[in-house]
Amino acid sequence: MNIRLTRLKASDAEALLVFEAENRYFFETMVPSRGDAYYMSENFQTRHKQLLKEKDDHDSILGRINVVDLNKQRRGKLGYRIGKMYTGKGLATKGLQLFMKEVIKLDIRKIHAKTTSNNFPSQRVLQKNGFHYEKTDTDSFNMNGEEVKFVYYSWENGRELV
């Protein structure tokens, strides 16, 4: 499957909200819930402009990738998610690979990422794209009846990409 990254437009908000809502319970098996307010249209619209997304050949939203909290030192935090029906097909790895090439062009110097200790697929995606393990929280929290911890990774511009 060919994928491409495109910058969000205002007209994409409704489709992206549908994507997020359709996959909400799937996402919440791997990451803490964002709460009901995230899925309210007016709240979603305000966050919408920061996000990047992936689309397939039919302009369907497969997932999204973004860097938030980008500071003056050109450091930020990575966020990404792939819809349930597209997992296990290498799309997260390929999408992040494409995204990281754009990150280099934009001269972003460092990106931090975190995932949960039980989300091994996300850890592999990060590692395959040049992110390096930093640490695991000592404190755990309950997510869906399972005790998990946050696992932190980072990527620095200048390191070799896959």
Protein backbone atom coordinates (compact mmCIF):
# COMPACT_ATOMS: atom_id res chain seq x y z
CA MET A 1 0.00 0.00 0.00
CA ASN A 2 1.36 3.39 -0.95
CA ILE A 3 1.06 6.06 1.69
CA ARG A 4 1.90 9.73 1.73
CA LEU A 5 2.09 12.43 4.35
CA THR A 6 0.07 15.58 3.85
CA ARG A 7 -0.28 18.67 5.97
CA LEU A 8 -3.71 19.04 7.49
CA LYS A 9 -6.18 21.54 6.12
CA ALA A 10 -9.14 23.06 7.91
CA SER A 11 -11.41 20.92 5.72
CA ASP A 12 -9.84 17.73 7.16
CA ALA A 13 -11.10 18.29 10.71
CA GLU A 14 -14.34 16.35 10.37
CA ALA A 15 -12.70 13.31 8.75
CA LEU A 16 -9.93 13.29 11.34
CA LEU A 17 -12.41 13.50 14.21
CA VAL A 18 -14.31 10.54 12.70
CA PHE A 19 -11.01 8.60 12.46
CA GLU A 20 -10.16 9.37 16.10
CA ALA A 21 -13.66 8.50 17.34
CA GLU A 22 -13.87 5.25 15.32
CA ASN A 23 -10.53 4.09 16.74
CA ARG A 24 -10.90 5.52 20.25
CA TYR A 25 -11.33 2.23 22.11
CA PHE A 26 -8.56 0.57 20.10
CA PHE A 27 -6.16 3.45 20.89
CA GLU A 28 -7.13 3.33 24.56
CA THR A 29 -5.91 -0.27 24.76
CA MET A 30 -2.39 1.08 24.20
CA VAL A 31 -2.35 4.63 25.56
CA PRO A 32 -4.20 6.40 28.37
CA SER A 33 -7.56 7.87 27.39
CA ARG A 34 -7.70 11.47 26.32
CA GLY A 35 -11.12 11.77 27.89
CA ASP A 36 -14.49 12.60 26.43
CA ALA A 37 -13.68 16.30 25.94
CA TYR A 38 -11.07 15.43 23.28
CA TYR A 39 -13.82 14.04 21.05
CA MET A 40 -16.07 17.09 21.28
CA SER A 41 -16.04 18.86 17.93
CA GLU A 42 -15.20 22.34 19.27
CA ASN A 43 -12.26 21.02 21.34
CA PHE A 44 -11.02 18.89 18.49
CA GLN A 45 -11.04 21.86 16.10
CA THR A 46 -8.62 23.80 18.31
CA ARG A 47 -6.08 20.93 18.33
CA HIS A 48 -6.60 20.10 14.68
CA LYS A 49 -4.17 22.61 13.16
CA GLN A 50 -1.13 21.05 14.89
CA LEU A 51 -1.56 17.57 13.48
CA LEU A 52 -0.18 15.84 10.43
CA LYS A 53 -1.86 12.82 8.95
CA GLU A 54 -1.26 9.92 6.62
CA LYS A 55 -3.59 9.19 3.74
CA ASP A 56 -3.92 6.23 1.37
CA ASP A 57 -4.51 6.38 -2.39
CA HIS A 58 -8.20 7.03 -1.74
CA ASP A 59 -7.56 9.91 0.68
CA SER A 60 -8.66 7.81 3.65
CA ILE A 61 -7.00 8.70 6.91
CA LEU A 62 -4.84 5.77 8.03
CA GLY A 63 -3.29 7.52 10.98
CA ARG A 64 -1.63 10.69 12.04
CA ILE A 65 1.82 11.86 13.09
CA ASN A 66 2.72 15.13 14.73
CA VAL A 67 5.33 16.96 16.75
CA VAL A 68 3.97 19.15 19.54
CA ASP A 69 5.53 21.53 22.03
CA LEU A 70 8.25 22.50 19.56
CA ASN A 71 10.43 25.03 21.38
CA LYS A 72 13.01 27.63 20.29
CA GLN A 73 15.78 25.03 20.55
CA ARG A 74 13.89 23.03 17.88
CA ARG A 75 12.97 20.20 20.28
CA GLY A 76 9.53 18.66 20.49
CA LYS A 77 7.41 15.66 21.40
CA LEU A 78 6.27 13.01 18.93
CA GLY A 79 2.76 11.67 18.72
CA TYR A 80 1.42 9.13 16.26
CA ARG A 81 -1.36 6.59 15.88
CA ILE A 82 -2.51 4.18 13.20
CA GLY A 83 -6.12 3.06 12.82
CA LYS A 84 -6.96 -0.45 14.01
CA MET A 85 -7.68 -1.86 10.55
CA TYR A 86 -4.24 -0.73 9.30
CA THR A 87 -2.06 -2.12 12.11
CA GLY A 88 0.43 -4.91 11.54
CA LYS A 89 1.13 -3.84 7.95
CA GLY A 90 4.25 -1.75 8.51
CA LEU A 91 2.41 1.54 8.05
CA ALA A 92 3.53 3.05 11.35
CA THR A 93 7.16 2.26 10.55
CA LYS A 94 6.91 3.59 6.98
CA GLY A 95 4.87 6.62 7.98
CA LEU A 96 7.30 7.58 10.72
CA GLN A 97 10.21 7.04 8.33
CA LEU A 98 8.65 9.51 5.87
CA PHE A 99 7.87 11.92 8.69
CA MET A 100 11.42 11.85 10.04
CA LYS A 101 12.77 12.85 6.63
CA GLU A 102 10.55 15.94 6.86
CA VAL A 103 11.73 16.58 10.42
CA ILE A 104 15.32 16.71 9.16
CA LYS A 105 14.37 19.17 6.40
CA LEU A 106 12.67 21.36 9.03
CA ASP A 107 15.87 21.30 11.13
CA ILE A 108 14.14 19.91 14.19
CA ARG A 109 17.01 19.02 16.49
CA LYS A 110 15.54 16.55 18.98
CA ILE A 111 12.29 14.65 19.44
CA HIS A 112 11.11 12.92 22.58
CA ALA A 113 8.61 10.07 22.46
CA LYS A 114 6.90 7.95 25.06
CA THR A 115 4.85 4.82 24.93
CA THR A 116 3.54 2.35 27.44
CA SER A 117 5.55 -0.62 28.64
CA ASN A 118 3.04 -3.06 27.12
CA ASN A 119 3.02 -1.41 23.68
CA PHE A 120 5.83 -3.42 22.10
CA PRO A 121 4.79 -2.59 18.51
CA SER A 122 5.22 1.14 19.19
CA GLN A 123 8.60 0.54 20.83
CA ARG A 124 9.74 -1.38 17.72
CA VAL A 125 8.48 1.38 15.40
CA LEU A 126 10.47 3.98 17.33
CA GLN A 127 13.63 1.85 17.40
CA LYS A 128 13.39 1.10 13.67
CA ASN A 129 13.29 4.85 13.04
CA GLY A 130 16.40 5.78 14.97
CA PHE A 131 14.87 6.54 18.36
CA HIS A 132 16.96 5.44 21.31
CA TYR A 133 15.67 4.13 24.61
CA GLU A 134 16.16 6.59 27.47
CA LYS A 135 14.37 5.24 30.52
CA THR A 136 11.30 3.59 31.98
CA ASP A 137 9.29 5.27 34.74
CA THR A 138 9.65 3.70 38.15
CA ASP A 139 5.99 4.38 38.96
CA SER A 140 3.28 2.41 37.23
CA PHE A 141 -0.36 3.23 36.62
CA ASN A 142 -3.42 1.14 35.89
CA MET A 143 -4.62 1.17 32.31
CA ASN A 144 -7.46 -1.17 31.38
CA GLY A 145 -6.78 -3.39 34.39
CA GLU A 146 -3.07 -3.76 33.70
CA GLU A 147 -0.21 -2.07 35.53
CA VAL A 148 1.96 -0.26 32.97
CA LYS A 149 4.74 2.30 32.97
CA PHE A 150 5.76 4.96 30.51
CA VAL A 151 8.83 4.15 28.41
CA TYR A 152 10.78 7.11 26.99
CA TYR A 153 12.73 7.39 23.75
CA SER A 154 14.51 10.20 21.95
CA TRP A 155 15.88 10.99 18.51
CA GLU A 156 18.51 13.59 17.69
CA ASN A 157 19.07 15.18 14.30
CA GLY A 158 22.31 13.89 12.86
CA ARG A 159 21.77 10.30 13.89
CA GLU A 160 21.39 7.89 11.02
CA LEU A 161 17.86 7.02 9.87
CA VAL A 162 16.76 3.60 8.59
